[in-house]
Structures are given as structure tokens and as C-alpha cells.
């Protein structure tokens, strides 16, 4: 499955399952461990788990196996690792506190050549 196709499926499922404020960050030029991060706000801890579980279930049906899930019913942040796409579902409070969009939008300082 192509990365862009995977990304589109994730975005659609999160939207269909009532994920809120869905944001996609292109981090290809900032890190080597993934290409995109998709961040969505859930209405409760149970909703966070449900969003990730549903994405994982639908991708498995399409023949794609997720790498792992971090978080449980007591978590205010659940992460679904799909390799080239990482899904973060968070409560509004956790999202405000961690500010992943701000963290990953910072550009790397340009390296200067040694004289």
C-alpha cells in the first residue's frame, strides 16, 4: 500500500468515526522514522482507543498490518504506529499540553560550514 493511500484511508476513517480537529503533519524532512503524523482529538479516553482500534481493523481488512498501539483506557493519548504514518489520538487537554503541531513545525537550524 502506498503511503499516500494509507494516509487518505486513515484520514477518512478518523473523520467517519467523529475524530475532531484532524491535522496531518508532513514530517518527511524532519525525521527518518515516519513520513506523516495524523493527530485527532477524541471526546473521551474510550473514544481515543476506539478511533485507533477502528483504523487498525479497517486496515487489516485491506491487508495492511499495523506495527503497534500504545495507550489504554486510562490514557489521554493513544498512538497507532503504521510505519509511514503514525496516528496520535488525544484528549483536548493532552493535545493542548503537548502541542505536537508546534513541536513538529519547528524547522531545523541550518548547519553552517566550518571555516
Protein backbone atom coordinates (compact mmCIF):
# COMPACT_ATOMS: atom_id res chain seq x y z
CA UNK A 1 0.00 0.00 0.00
CA UNK A 2 1.39 3.41 -0.97
CA UNK A 3 1.95 5.95 1.81
CA UNK A 4 -0.46 8.50 0.36
CA UNK A 5 -3.16 5.84 0.00
CA UNK A 6 -2.61 4.76 3.62
CA UNK A 7 -2.77 8.39 4.76
CA UNK A 8 -6.05 9.01 2.92
CA UNK A 9 -7.63 5.89 4.44
CA UNK A 10 -6.57 6.95 7.95
CA UNK A 11 -7.92 10.48 7.48
CA UNK A 12 -11.23 9.20 6.13
CA UNK A 13 -11.73 6.68 8.93
CA UNK A 14 -10.91 9.22 11.66
CA UNK A 15 -13.38 11.65 10.12
CA UNK A 16 -16.08 8.98 9.74
CA UNK A 17 -15.65 7.92 13.39
CA UNK A 18 -16.05 11.50 14.65
CA UNK A 19 -12.42 12.35 15.34
CA UNK A 20 -12.18 16.09 15.88
CA UNK A 21 -9.68 18.69 14.63
CA UNK A 22 -7.85 16.17 12.42
CA UNK A 23 -4.45 17.50 11.41
CA UNK A 24 -1.84 15.89 9.18
CA UNK A 25 1.81 16.80 9.59
CA UNK A 26 4.29 16.07 6.80
CA UNK A 27 7.49 15.23 8.70
CA UNK A 28 9.48 13.64 5.87
CA UNK A 29 12.13 16.36 6.04
CA UNK A 30 12.27 16.32 9.87
CA UNK A 31 12.63 12.66 10.82
CA UNK A 32 13.51 9.31 9.34
CA UNK A 33 11.12 7.10 11.32
CA UNK A 34 7.88 8.16 9.61
CA UNK A 35 6.55 10.31 6.78
CA UNK A 36 3.31 11.63 8.26
CA UNK A 37 1.72 12.14 11.64
CA UNK A 38 -2.04 12.38 11.88
CA UNK A 39 -3.35 13.98 15.06
CA UNK A 40 -7.01 13.81 16.09
CA UNK A 41 -8.87 14.83 19.21
CA UNK A 42 -11.27 12.39 20.83
CA UNK A 43 -14.12 13.16 23.18
CA UNK A 44 -13.09 10.65 25.87
CA UNK A 45 -10.42 8.08 26.70
CA UNK A 46 -12.70 5.35 25.33
CA UNK A 47 -13.14 7.34 22.09
CA UNK A 48 -9.33 7.57 21.66
CA UNK A 49 -8.96 3.78 21.85
CA UNK A 50 -11.99 3.29 19.61
CA UNK A 51 -10.56 5.56 16.91
CA UNK A 52 -7.23 3.69 16.79
CA UNK A 53 -8.89 0.28 17.01
CA UNK A 54 -11.22 1.09 14.14
CA UNK A 55 -8.37 2.38 11.94
CA UNK A 56 -6.34 -0.77 12.70
CA UNK A 57 -9.34 -3.03 12.00
CA UNK A 58 -10.14 -1.42 8.65
CA UNK A 59 -6.50 -1.54 7.54
CA UNK A 60 -6.24 -5.21 8.49
CA UNK A 61 -9.30 -5.86 6.31
CA UNK A 62 -7.43 -4.14 3.47
CA UNK A 63 -4.42 -6.40 4.03
CA UNK A 64 -2.23 -3.93 5.92
CA UNK A 65 -0.86 -4.91 9.32
CA UNK A 66 -0.30 -2.11 11.88
CA UNK A 67 3.01 -2.25 13.76
CA UNK A 68 1.61 -1.49 17.21
CA UNK A 69 -0.59 0.52 19.55
CA UNK A 70 0.44 2.40 22.69
CA UNK A 71 -2.10 3.53 25.27
CA UNK A 72 -5.13 2.10 27.06
CA UNK A 73 -8.49 3.14 28.52
CA UNK A 74 -6.79 5.24 31.21
CA UNK A 75 -4.66 7.12 28.64
CA UNK A 76 -5.30 10.61 27.36
CA UNK A 77 -3.06 9.86 24.35
CA UNK A 78 -3.17 6.75 22.16
CA UNK A 79 -0.65 6.15 19.38
CA UNK A 80 -1.12 3.81 16.41
CA UNK A 81 2.08 3.01 14.51
CA UNK A 82 1.52 2.27 10.84
CA UNK A 83 5.14 2.75 9.80
CA UNK A 84 5.00 5.59 7.27
CA UNK A 85 2.01 7.07 9.10
CA UNK A 86 1.70 7.49 12.86
CA UNK A 87 -1.73 8.25 14.30
CA UNK A 88 -1.99 10.21 17.56
CA UNK A 89 -5.42 10.40 19.18
CA UNK A 90 -5.53 12.69 22.18
CA UNK A 91 -7.95 14.34 24.55
CA UNK A 92 -8.29 18.09 24.03
CA UNK A 93 -6.42 18.71 27.28
CA UNK A 94 -3.48 16.47 26.30
CA UNK A 95 -3.34 17.97 22.83
CA UNK A 96 -3.17 21.47 24.25
CA UNK A 97 -0.48 20.44 26.73
CA UNK A 98 1.84 18.57 24.32
CA UNK A 99 1.28 20.79 21.26
CA UNK A 100 2.63 18.28 18.74
CA UNK A 101 1.79 20.56 15.82
CA UNK A 102 4.00 23.26 17.26
CA UNK A 103 6.78 20.80 18.14
CA UNK A 104 6.95 19.30 14.66
CA UNK A 105 6.52 22.60 12.80
CA UNK A 106 9.84 23.94 14.09
CA UNK A 107 12.38 24.00 11.30
CA UNK A 108 15.84 22.66 11.92
CA UNK A 109 18.53 25.32 12.16
CA UNK A 110 20.67 25.43 9.07
CA UNK A 111 24.11 23.96 9.51
CA UNK A 112 26.95 26.36 8.92
CA UNK A 113 30.12 25.26 7.26
CA UNK A 114 33.25 25.19 9.38
CA UNK A 115 35.71 27.83 8.28
